[in-house]
N, C-alpha and C. Protein backbone atom coordinates (compact mmCIF):
# COMPACT_ATOMS: atom_id res chain seq x y z
N UNK A 1 8.29 -14.24 8.65
CA UNK A 1 7.37 -13.56 9.54
C UNK A 1 8.19 -13.01 10.71
N UNK A 2 7.92 -11.80 11.08
CA UNK A 2 8.65 -11.18 12.17
C UNK A 2 7.79 -11.20 13.43
N UNK A 3 8.38 -10.77 14.51
CA UNK A 3 7.64 -10.72 15.76
C UNK A 3 6.45 -9.77 15.67
N UNK A 4 6.55 -8.76 14.82
CA UNK A 4 5.46 -7.79 14.70
C UNK A 4 4.32 -8.31 13.83
N UNK A 5 4.51 -9.46 13.18
CA UNK A 5 3.45 -10.02 12.36
C UNK A 5 3.51 -9.61 10.91
N UNK A 6 4.49 -8.84 10.52
CA UNK A 6 4.61 -8.37 9.15
C UNK A 6 5.65 -9.21 8.44
N UNK A 7 5.25 -9.79 7.32
CA UNK A 7 6.19 -10.54 6.51
C UNK A 7 6.88 -9.57 5.57
N UNK A 8 8.20 -9.60 5.51
CA UNK A 8 8.89 -8.73 4.57
C UNK A 8 10.19 -9.37 4.13
N UNK A 9 10.67 -8.90 3.02
CA UNK A 9 11.95 -9.39 2.53
C UNK A 9 13.05 -8.72 3.32
N UNK A 10 14.22 -9.27 3.23
CA UNK A 10 15.35 -8.70 3.93
C UNK A 10 15.82 -7.46 3.18
N UNK A 11 15.63 -6.31 3.78
CA UNK A 11 16.11 -5.05 3.22
C UNK A 11 17.13 -4.49 4.20
N UNK A 12 17.94 -3.53 3.76
CA UNK A 12 18.97 -3.00 4.66
C UNK A 12 18.43 -2.46 5.99
N UNK A 13 17.21 -1.93 5.99
CA UNK A 13 16.69 -1.35 7.23
C UNK A 13 15.42 -2.04 7.73
N UNK A 14 15.20 -3.28 7.33
CA UNK A 14 13.98 -4.00 7.71
C UNK A 14 13.83 -4.13 9.22
N UNK A 15 14.90 -4.38 9.93
CA UNK A 15 14.82 -4.55 11.38
C UNK A 15 14.49 -3.27 12.12
N UNK A 16 14.65 -2.14 11.45
CA UNK A 16 14.37 -0.85 12.08
C UNK A 16 12.89 -0.71 12.45
N UNK A 17 12.02 -1.21 11.61
CA UNK A 17 10.58 -1.13 11.90
C UNK A 17 10.25 -1.97 13.12
N UNK A 18 10.76 -3.20 13.18
CA UNK A 18 10.50 -4.05 14.35
C UNK A 18 10.98 -3.38 15.63
N UNK A 19 12.12 -2.73 15.56
CA UNK A 19 12.65 -2.02 16.73
C UNK A 19 11.75 -0.84 17.10
N UNK A 20 11.33 -0.08 16.10
CA UNK A 20 10.47 1.09 16.35
C UNK A 20 9.11 0.68 16.90
N UNK A 21 8.60 -0.47 16.47
CA UNK A 21 7.29 -0.92 16.92
C UNK A 21 7.28 -1.34 18.39
N UNK A 22 8.45 -1.41 19.00
CA UNK A 22 8.52 -1.69 20.44
C UNK A 22 8.23 -0.43 21.26
N UNK A 23 8.24 0.73 20.59
CA UNK A 23 7.94 2.00 21.26
C UNK A 23 6.47 2.00 21.70
N UNK A 24 6.18 2.40 22.92
CA UNK A 24 4.80 2.39 23.41
C UNK A 24 3.84 3.24 22.56
N UNK A 25 4.31 4.34 22.01
CA UNK A 25 3.44 5.20 21.20
C UNK A 25 2.97 4.48 19.94
N UNK A 26 3.88 3.80 19.25
CA UNK A 26 3.50 3.07 18.05
C UNK A 26 2.68 1.83 18.38
N UNK A 27 2.97 1.21 19.50
CA UNK A 27 2.16 0.07 19.92
C UNK A 27 0.73 0.53 20.20
N UNK A 28 0.58 1.74 20.76
CA UNK A 28 -0.74 2.31 21.01
C UNK A 28 -1.47 2.60 19.70
N UNK A 29 -0.75 3.08 18.69
CA UNK A 29 -1.34 3.33 17.37
C UNK A 29 -1.89 2.02 16.80
N UNK A 30 -1.10 0.97 16.88
CA UNK A 30 -1.54 -0.33 16.35
C UNK A 30 -2.76 -0.84 17.11
N UNK A 31 -2.78 -0.67 18.43
CA UNK A 31 -3.92 -1.11 19.23
C UNK A 31 -5.18 -0.33 18.87
N UNK A 32 -5.07 0.98 18.76
CA UNK A 32 -6.23 1.81 18.42
C UNK A 32 -6.75 1.49 17.02
N UNK A 33 -5.84 1.21 16.11
CA UNK A 33 -6.24 0.88 14.74
C UNK A 33 -7.03 -0.42 14.70
N UNK A 34 -6.63 -1.38 15.51
CA UNK A 34 -7.36 -2.65 15.51
C UNK A 34 -8.71 -2.52 16.21
N UNK A 35 -8.83 -1.58 17.16
CA UNK A 35 -10.09 -1.36 17.87
C UNK A 35 -11.12 -0.62 17.02
N UNK A 36 -10.71 0.49 16.42
CA UNK A 36 -11.62 1.34 15.65
C UNK A 36 -10.87 1.98 14.48
N UNK A 37 -10.56 1.22 13.44
CA UNK A 37 -9.72 1.75 12.37
C UNK A 37 -10.32 2.92 11.61
N UNK A 38 -11.64 3.01 11.51
CA UNK A 38 -12.23 4.10 10.74
C UNK A 38 -12.19 5.42 11.49
N UNK A 39 -11.93 5.40 12.78
CA UNK A 39 -11.92 6.62 13.58
C UNK A 39 -10.52 7.11 13.91
N UNK A 40 -9.52 6.60 13.28
CA UNK A 40 -8.15 6.93 13.63
C UNK A 40 -7.60 8.05 12.75
N UNK A 41 -7.15 9.12 13.37
CA UNK A 41 -6.49 10.22 12.67
C UNK A 41 -5.13 10.41 13.30
N UNK A 42 -4.10 10.42 12.47
CA UNK A 42 -2.74 10.60 12.98
C UNK A 42 -2.17 11.92 12.50
N UNK A 43 -1.54 12.64 13.40
CA UNK A 43 -0.85 13.88 13.06
C UNK A 43 0.56 13.76 13.61
N UNK A 44 1.53 13.98 12.76
CA UNK A 44 2.91 13.87 13.20
C UNK A 44 3.86 14.25 12.09
N UNK A 45 5.14 14.17 12.37
CA UNK A 45 6.14 14.53 11.35
C UNK A 45 6.17 13.51 10.21
N UNK A 46 6.56 13.98 9.04
CA UNK A 46 6.63 13.11 7.86
C UNK A 46 7.56 11.93 8.09
N UNK A 47 8.58 12.12 8.91
CA UNK A 47 9.54 11.05 9.14
C UNK A 47 8.92 9.86 9.89
N UNK A 48 7.77 10.06 10.51
CA UNK A 48 7.11 8.99 11.26
C UNK A 48 6.15 8.18 10.40
N UNK A 49 5.95 8.59 9.15
CA UNK A 49 4.96 7.92 8.29
C UNK A 49 5.26 6.44 8.11
N UNK A 50 6.50 6.10 7.87
CA UNK A 50 6.87 4.70 7.63
C UNK A 50 6.55 3.85 8.85
N UNK A 51 6.88 4.35 10.01
CA UNK A 51 6.66 3.57 11.23
C UNK A 51 5.17 3.48 11.56
N UNK A 52 4.45 4.57 11.38
CA UNK A 52 3.01 4.55 11.65
C UNK A 52 2.30 3.61 10.68
N UNK A 53 2.64 3.68 9.41
CA UNK A 53 2.01 2.80 8.41
C UNK A 53 2.34 1.34 8.71
N UNK A 54 3.57 1.06 9.09
CA UNK A 54 3.96 -0.31 9.42
C UNK A 54 3.21 -0.82 10.64
N UNK A 55 3.01 0.05 11.62
CA UNK A 55 2.25 -0.34 12.81
C UNK A 55 0.80 -0.64 12.45
N UNK A 56 0.21 0.20 11.62
CA UNK A 56 -1.19 0.00 11.22
C UNK A 56 -1.36 -1.23 10.35
N UNK A 57 -0.35 -1.58 9.57
CA UNK A 57 -0.44 -2.72 8.66
C UNK A 57 -0.39 -4.06 9.39
N UNK A 58 -0.12 -4.05 10.67
CA UNK A 58 -0.11 -5.30 11.43
C UNK A 58 -1.48 -5.94 11.48
N UNK A 59 -2.53 -5.13 11.48
CA UNK A 59 -3.90 -5.64 11.60
C UNK A 59 -4.42 -6.20 10.28
N UNK A 60 -3.78 -5.91 9.18
CA UNK A 60 -4.23 -6.36 7.87
C UNK A 60 -3.79 -5.37 6.82
N UNK A 61 -4.14 -5.63 5.57
CA UNK A 61 -3.73 -4.71 4.50
C UNK A 61 -4.20 -3.28 4.80
N UNK A 62 -3.33 -2.33 4.50
CA UNK A 62 -3.57 -0.93 4.81
C UNK A 62 -3.60 -0.12 3.53
N UNK A 63 -4.57 0.78 3.40
CA UNK A 63 -4.64 1.71 2.28
C UNK A 63 -4.24 3.08 2.80
N UNK A 64 -3.19 3.65 2.20
CA UNK A 64 -2.73 4.99 2.56
C UNK A 64 -3.04 5.91 1.39
N UNK A 65 -3.81 6.96 1.64
CA UNK A 65 -4.21 7.90 0.59
C UNK A 65 -3.45 9.21 0.80
N UNK A 66 -2.79 9.66 -0.26
CA UNK A 66 -2.04 10.91 -0.21
C UNK A 66 -2.72 11.95 -1.10
N UNK A 67 -2.31 13.20 -0.93
CA UNK A 67 -2.91 14.29 -1.71
C UNK A 67 -2.35 14.36 -3.13
N UNK A 68 -1.08 14.03 -3.29
CA UNK A 68 -0.45 14.19 -4.60
C UNK A 68 0.27 12.92 -5.04
N UNK A 69 0.53 12.83 -6.33
CA UNK A 69 1.27 11.70 -6.88
C UNK A 69 2.70 11.67 -6.38
N UNK A 70 3.32 12.83 -6.25
CA UNK A 70 4.70 12.88 -5.75
C UNK A 70 4.78 12.37 -4.32
N UNK A 71 3.82 12.77 -3.50
CA UNK A 71 3.79 12.30 -2.12
C UNK A 71 3.60 10.78 -2.08
N UNK A 72 2.74 10.25 -2.95
CA UNK A 72 2.52 8.80 -3.02
C UNK A 72 3.78 8.08 -3.48
N UNK A 73 4.46 8.62 -4.48
CA UNK A 73 5.71 8.03 -4.96
C UNK A 73 6.75 7.98 -3.84
N UNK A 74 6.91 9.10 -3.14
CA UNK A 74 7.91 9.17 -2.06
C UNK A 74 7.60 8.19 -0.94
N UNK A 75 6.35 8.14 -0.52
CA UNK A 75 5.98 7.24 0.58
C UNK A 75 6.12 5.78 0.16
N UNK A 76 5.74 5.47 -1.08
CA UNK A 76 5.90 4.10 -1.57
C UNK A 76 7.36 3.69 -1.54
N UNK A 77 8.24 4.57 -2.00
CA UNK A 77 9.68 4.26 -2.00
C UNK A 77 10.19 4.05 -0.57
N UNK A 78 9.76 4.90 0.36
CA UNK A 78 10.19 4.75 1.75
C UNK A 78 9.71 3.43 2.34
N UNK A 79 8.46 3.10 2.10
CA UNK A 79 7.90 1.85 2.65
C UNK A 79 8.52 0.62 2.00
N UNK A 80 8.81 0.69 0.71
CA UNK A 80 9.46 -0.44 0.05
C UNK A 80 10.87 -0.67 0.58
N UNK A 81 11.51 0.39 1.03
CA UNK A 81 12.83 0.25 1.62
C UNK A 81 12.80 -0.60 2.88
N UNK A 82 11.66 -0.65 3.54
CA UNK A 82 11.52 -1.41 4.77
C UNK A 82 10.79 -2.73 4.55
N UNK A 83 9.68 -2.68 3.81
CA UNK A 83 8.83 -3.86 3.65
C UNK A 83 8.95 -4.55 2.30
N UNK A 84 9.78 -4.03 1.42
CA UNK A 84 10.01 -4.67 0.12
C UNK A 84 8.76 -4.72 -0.74
N UNK A 85 8.55 -5.86 -1.39
CA UNK A 85 7.46 -6.02 -2.35
C UNK A 85 6.09 -6.18 -1.70
N UNK A 86 6.01 -6.08 -0.38
CA UNK A 86 4.71 -6.12 0.29
C UNK A 86 4.03 -4.76 0.23
N UNK A 87 4.66 -3.80 -0.44
CA UNK A 87 4.12 -2.46 -0.62
C UNK A 87 3.97 -2.19 -2.11
N UNK A 88 2.84 -1.61 -2.50
CA UNK A 88 2.63 -1.27 -3.91
C UNK A 88 1.88 0.05 -4.00
N UNK A 89 2.05 0.70 -5.15
CA UNK A 89 1.33 1.95 -5.40
C UNK A 89 0.23 1.69 -6.42
N UNK A 90 -0.95 2.22 -6.15
CA UNK A 90 -2.09 2.15 -7.07
C UNK A 90 -2.08 3.46 -7.85
N UNK A 91 -1.59 3.43 -9.10
CA UNK A 91 -1.40 4.69 -9.84
C UNK A 91 -2.71 5.25 -10.38
N UNK A 92 -2.70 6.55 -10.61
CA UNK A 92 -3.87 7.18 -11.24
C UNK A 92 -3.59 7.31 -12.73
N UNK A 93 -4.68 7.43 -13.48
CA UNK A 93 -4.54 7.63 -14.92
C UNK A 93 -3.86 8.97 -15.16
N UNK A 94 -3.11 9.06 -16.23
CA UNK A 94 -2.44 10.31 -16.57
C UNK A 94 -3.40 11.26 -17.29
N UNK A 95 -4.54 10.76 -17.71
CA UNK A 95 -5.48 11.56 -18.49
C UNK A 95 -6.53 12.20 -17.58
N UNK A 96 -7.07 13.30 -18.03
CA UNK A 96 -8.15 13.97 -17.31
C UNK A 96 -9.49 13.39 -17.77
N UNK A 97 -10.52 13.49 -16.95
CA UNK A 97 -11.81 12.86 -17.28
C UNK A 97 -12.41 13.33 -18.61
N UNK A 98 -12.21 14.57 -18.99
CA UNK A 98 -12.83 15.09 -20.22
C UNK A 98 -12.00 14.82 -21.48
N UNK A 99 -10.79 14.31 -21.32
CA UNK A 99 -9.95 14.03 -22.49
C UNK A 99 -10.39 12.75 -23.17
N UNK A 100 -10.22 12.71 -24.47
CA UNK A 100 -10.60 11.53 -25.24
C UNK A 100 -9.42 10.57 -25.41
N UNK A 101 -8.56 10.56 -24.45
CA UNK A 101 -7.40 9.67 -24.49
C UNK A 101 -7.62 8.52 -23.51
N UNK A 102 -7.10 7.38 -23.87
CA UNK A 102 -7.15 6.24 -22.96
C UNK A 102 -5.96 6.32 -22.02
N UNK A 103 -6.09 5.77 -20.82
CA UNK A 103 -4.94 5.73 -19.92
C UNK A 103 -3.83 4.88 -20.53
N UNK A 104 -2.60 5.14 -20.13
CA UNK A 104 -1.46 4.39 -20.64
C UNK A 104 -1.55 2.91 -20.30
N UNK A 105 -1.00 2.08 -21.17
CA UNK A 105 -1.02 0.63 -20.97
C UNK A 105 -0.30 0.25 -19.68
N UNK A 106 0.82 0.91 -19.39
CA UNK A 106 1.56 0.61 -18.16
C UNK A 106 0.71 0.90 -16.92
N UNK A 107 -0.01 2.02 -16.95
CA UNK A 107 -0.84 2.39 -15.81
C UNK A 107 -1.98 1.40 -15.62
N UNK A 108 -2.65 1.06 -16.71
CA UNK A 108 -3.76 0.10 -16.63
C UNK A 108 -3.24 -1.24 -16.12
N UNK A 109 -2.10 -1.68 -16.62
CA UNK A 109 -1.51 -2.95 -16.18
C UNK A 109 -1.15 -2.94 -14.70
N UNK A 110 -0.57 -1.82 -14.24
CA UNK A 110 -0.19 -1.72 -12.83
C UNK A 110 -1.42 -1.74 -11.92
N UNK A 111 -2.48 -1.07 -12.35
CA UNK A 111 -3.72 -1.06 -11.56
C UNK A 111 -4.33 -2.46 -11.50
N UNK A 112 -4.38 -3.14 -12.64
CA UNK A 112 -4.94 -4.49 -12.67
C UNK A 112 -4.12 -5.46 -11.83
N UNK A 113 -2.80 -5.36 -11.93
CA UNK A 113 -1.92 -6.25 -11.16
C UNK A 113 -2.12 -6.04 -9.66
N UNK A 114 -2.23 -4.79 -9.23
CA UNK A 114 -2.42 -4.53 -7.82
C UNK A 114 -3.77 -5.08 -7.34
N UNK A 115 -4.81 -4.87 -8.10
CA UNK A 115 -6.13 -5.39 -7.72
C UNK A 115 -6.12 -6.91 -7.66
N UNK A 116 -5.42 -7.53 -8.60
CA UNK A 116 -5.32 -9.00 -8.61
C UNK A 116 -4.56 -9.49 -7.38
N UNK A 117 -3.47 -8.80 -7.04
CA UNK A 117 -2.70 -9.19 -5.86
C UNK A 117 -3.53 -9.08 -4.59
N UNK A 118 -4.37 -8.06 -4.51
CA UNK A 118 -5.23 -7.90 -3.33
C UNK A 118 -6.29 -8.99 -3.25
N UNK A 119 -6.86 -9.35 -4.38
CA UNK A 119 -7.94 -10.35 -4.36
C UNK A 119 -7.43 -11.79 -4.34
N UNK A 120 -6.16 -11.99 -4.68
CA UNK A 120 -5.56 -13.34 -4.67
C UNK A 120 -4.22 -13.31 -3.91
N UNK A 121 -4.25 -13.05 -2.60
CA UNK A 121 -3.00 -12.90 -1.85
C UNK A 121 -2.16 -14.17 -1.76
N UNK A 122 -2.77 -15.33 -1.99
CA UNK A 122 -2.02 -16.59 -1.87
C UNK A 122 -1.37 -17.03 -3.18
N UNK A 123 -1.57 -16.28 -4.25
CA UNK A 123 -0.98 -16.63 -5.55
C UNK A 123 0.48 -16.19 -5.55
N UNK A 124 1.38 -17.14 -5.39
CA UNK A 124 2.81 -16.84 -5.28
C UNK A 124 3.40 -16.24 -6.54
N UNK A 125 2.75 -16.47 -7.69
CA UNK A 125 3.25 -15.91 -8.95
C UNK A 125 3.17 -14.38 -8.96
N UNK A 126 2.28 -13.83 -8.14
CA UNK A 126 2.07 -12.38 -8.12
C UNK A 126 2.98 -11.66 -7.14
N UNK A 127 3.68 -12.39 -6.30
CA UNK A 127 4.53 -11.78 -5.30
C UNK A 127 3.95 -11.99 -3.91
N UNK A 128 4.60 -11.42 -2.91
CA UNK A 128 4.12 -11.61 -1.54
C UNK A 128 2.78 -10.88 -1.34
N UNK A 129 2.01 -11.31 -0.35
CA UNK A 129 0.75 -10.60 -0.07
C UNK A 129 1.02 -9.12 0.23
N UNK A 130 0.15 -8.27 -0.26
CA UNK A 130 0.32 -6.83 -0.02
C UNK A 130 -0.05 -6.49 1.41
N UNK A 131 0.78 -5.71 2.06
CA UNK A 131 0.51 -5.21 3.40
C UNK A 131 0.06 -3.76 3.35
N UNK A 132 0.65 -2.99 2.40
CA UNK A 132 0.32 -1.57 2.29
C UNK A 132 0.16 -1.19 0.83
N UNK A 133 -0.94 -0.50 0.53
CA UNK A 133 -1.18 0.07 -0.80
C UNK A 133 -1.22 1.58 -0.62
N UNK A 134 -0.41 2.27 -1.41
CA UNK A 134 -0.35 3.73 -1.37
C UNK A 134 -0.99 4.25 -2.65
N UNK A 135 -1.83 5.27 -2.52
CA UNK A 135 -2.48 5.84 -3.69
C UNK A 135 -2.81 7.30 -3.44
N UNK A 136 -3.39 7.94 -4.45
CA UNK A 136 -3.81 9.33 -4.33
C UNK A 136 -5.33 9.40 -4.31
N UNK A 137 -5.84 10.52 -3.87
CA UNK A 137 -7.29 10.73 -3.88
C UNK A 137 -7.81 10.62 -5.30
N UNK A 138 -7.10 11.21 -6.24
CA UNK A 138 -7.50 11.18 -7.64
C UNK A 138 -7.65 9.74 -8.15
N UNK A 139 -6.71 8.90 -7.80
CA UNK A 139 -6.74 7.51 -8.25
C UNK A 139 -7.96 6.77 -7.71
N UNK A 140 -8.32 7.04 -6.47
CA UNK A 140 -9.48 6.37 -5.88
C UNK A 140 -10.79 6.79 -6.53
N UNK A 141 -10.82 8.01 -7.07
CA UNK A 141 -12.05 8.51 -7.68
C UNK A 141 -12.23 8.05 -9.11
N UNK A 142 -11.21 7.48 -9.72
CA UNK A 142 -11.31 7.03 -11.10
C UNK A 142 -12.06 5.71 -11.17
N UNK A 143 -12.97 5.59 -12.15
CA UNK A 143 -13.84 4.41 -12.20
C UNK A 143 -13.09 3.11 -12.52
N UNK A 144 -13.66 2.02 -12.02
CA UNK A 144 -13.14 0.68 -12.32
C UNK A 144 -14.33 -0.23 -12.60
N UNK A 145 -14.12 -1.18 -13.47
CA UNK A 145 -15.17 -2.16 -13.76
C UNK A 145 -15.31 -3.11 -12.56
N UNK A 146 -16.52 -3.56 -12.27
CA UNK A 146 -16.69 -4.51 -11.17
C UNK A 146 -15.99 -5.84 -11.50
N UNK A 147 -15.49 -6.49 -10.49
CA UNK A 147 -14.83 -7.80 -10.61
C UNK A 147 -13.62 -7.78 -11.53
N UNK A 148 -13.01 -6.62 -11.73
CA UNK A 148 -11.86 -6.53 -12.63
C UNK A 148 -10.67 -7.33 -12.08
N UNK A 149 -10.59 -7.50 -10.78
CA UNK A 149 -9.47 -8.23 -10.19
C UNK A 149 -9.55 -9.73 -10.43
N UNK A 150 -10.71 -10.22 -10.86
CA UNK A 150 -10.87 -11.65 -11.09
C UNK A 150 -10.61 -12.07 -12.53
N UNK A 151 -10.30 -11.11 -13.39
CA UNK A 151 -9.99 -11.44 -14.78
C UNK A 151 -8.62 -12.11 -14.82
N UNK A 152 -8.53 -13.26 -15.47
CA UNK A 152 -7.26 -13.99 -15.59
C UNK A 152 -6.26 -13.16 -16.39
N UNK A 153 -5.05 -12.99 -15.88
CA UNK A 153 -4.05 -12.23 -16.64
C UNK A 153 -3.60 -12.98 -17.89
N UNK A 154 -3.24 -12.20 -18.90
CA UNK A 154 -2.74 -12.77 -20.15
C UNK A 154 -1.22 -12.83 -20.05
N UNK A 155 -0.65 -14.00 -20.30
CA UNK A 155 0.80 -14.17 -20.25
C UNK A 155 1.30 -14.47 -21.65
N UNK A 156 2.26 -13.70 -22.11
CA UNK A 156 2.83 -13.92 -23.44
C UNK A 156 4.15 -14.64 -23.35
């Protein structure tokens, strides 16, 4: 656990976030997010995304929604560089709604694992508790069965 309240693994630049969070602007972002998180809109350079997301994640798990899959991939990689396995991406299905194809097994598995990690943050077998989930608008609109995160995983 760090002074900022975020648990993370030791990465080459992990201390950079703690240092950046001492900046009054980012401290103000974290304060506003804890006061009224649904009313917060941030506008700034792309290079500030990692620091802003880290500041917002202090109050609890954070969902970051991007417009495209590439943007989600890039942001997930940047955040993992700082927060390690406390960051995950919620992938979207590769298929379109009208196609008669099932989503890929890897995609379904990744979605189920992420939902399980969110609903069972104390299960050490799943990894550290998630602080930030990155996804796309498309992924959020895709249907999910209720209580899917409570299904026991199959281990082979």
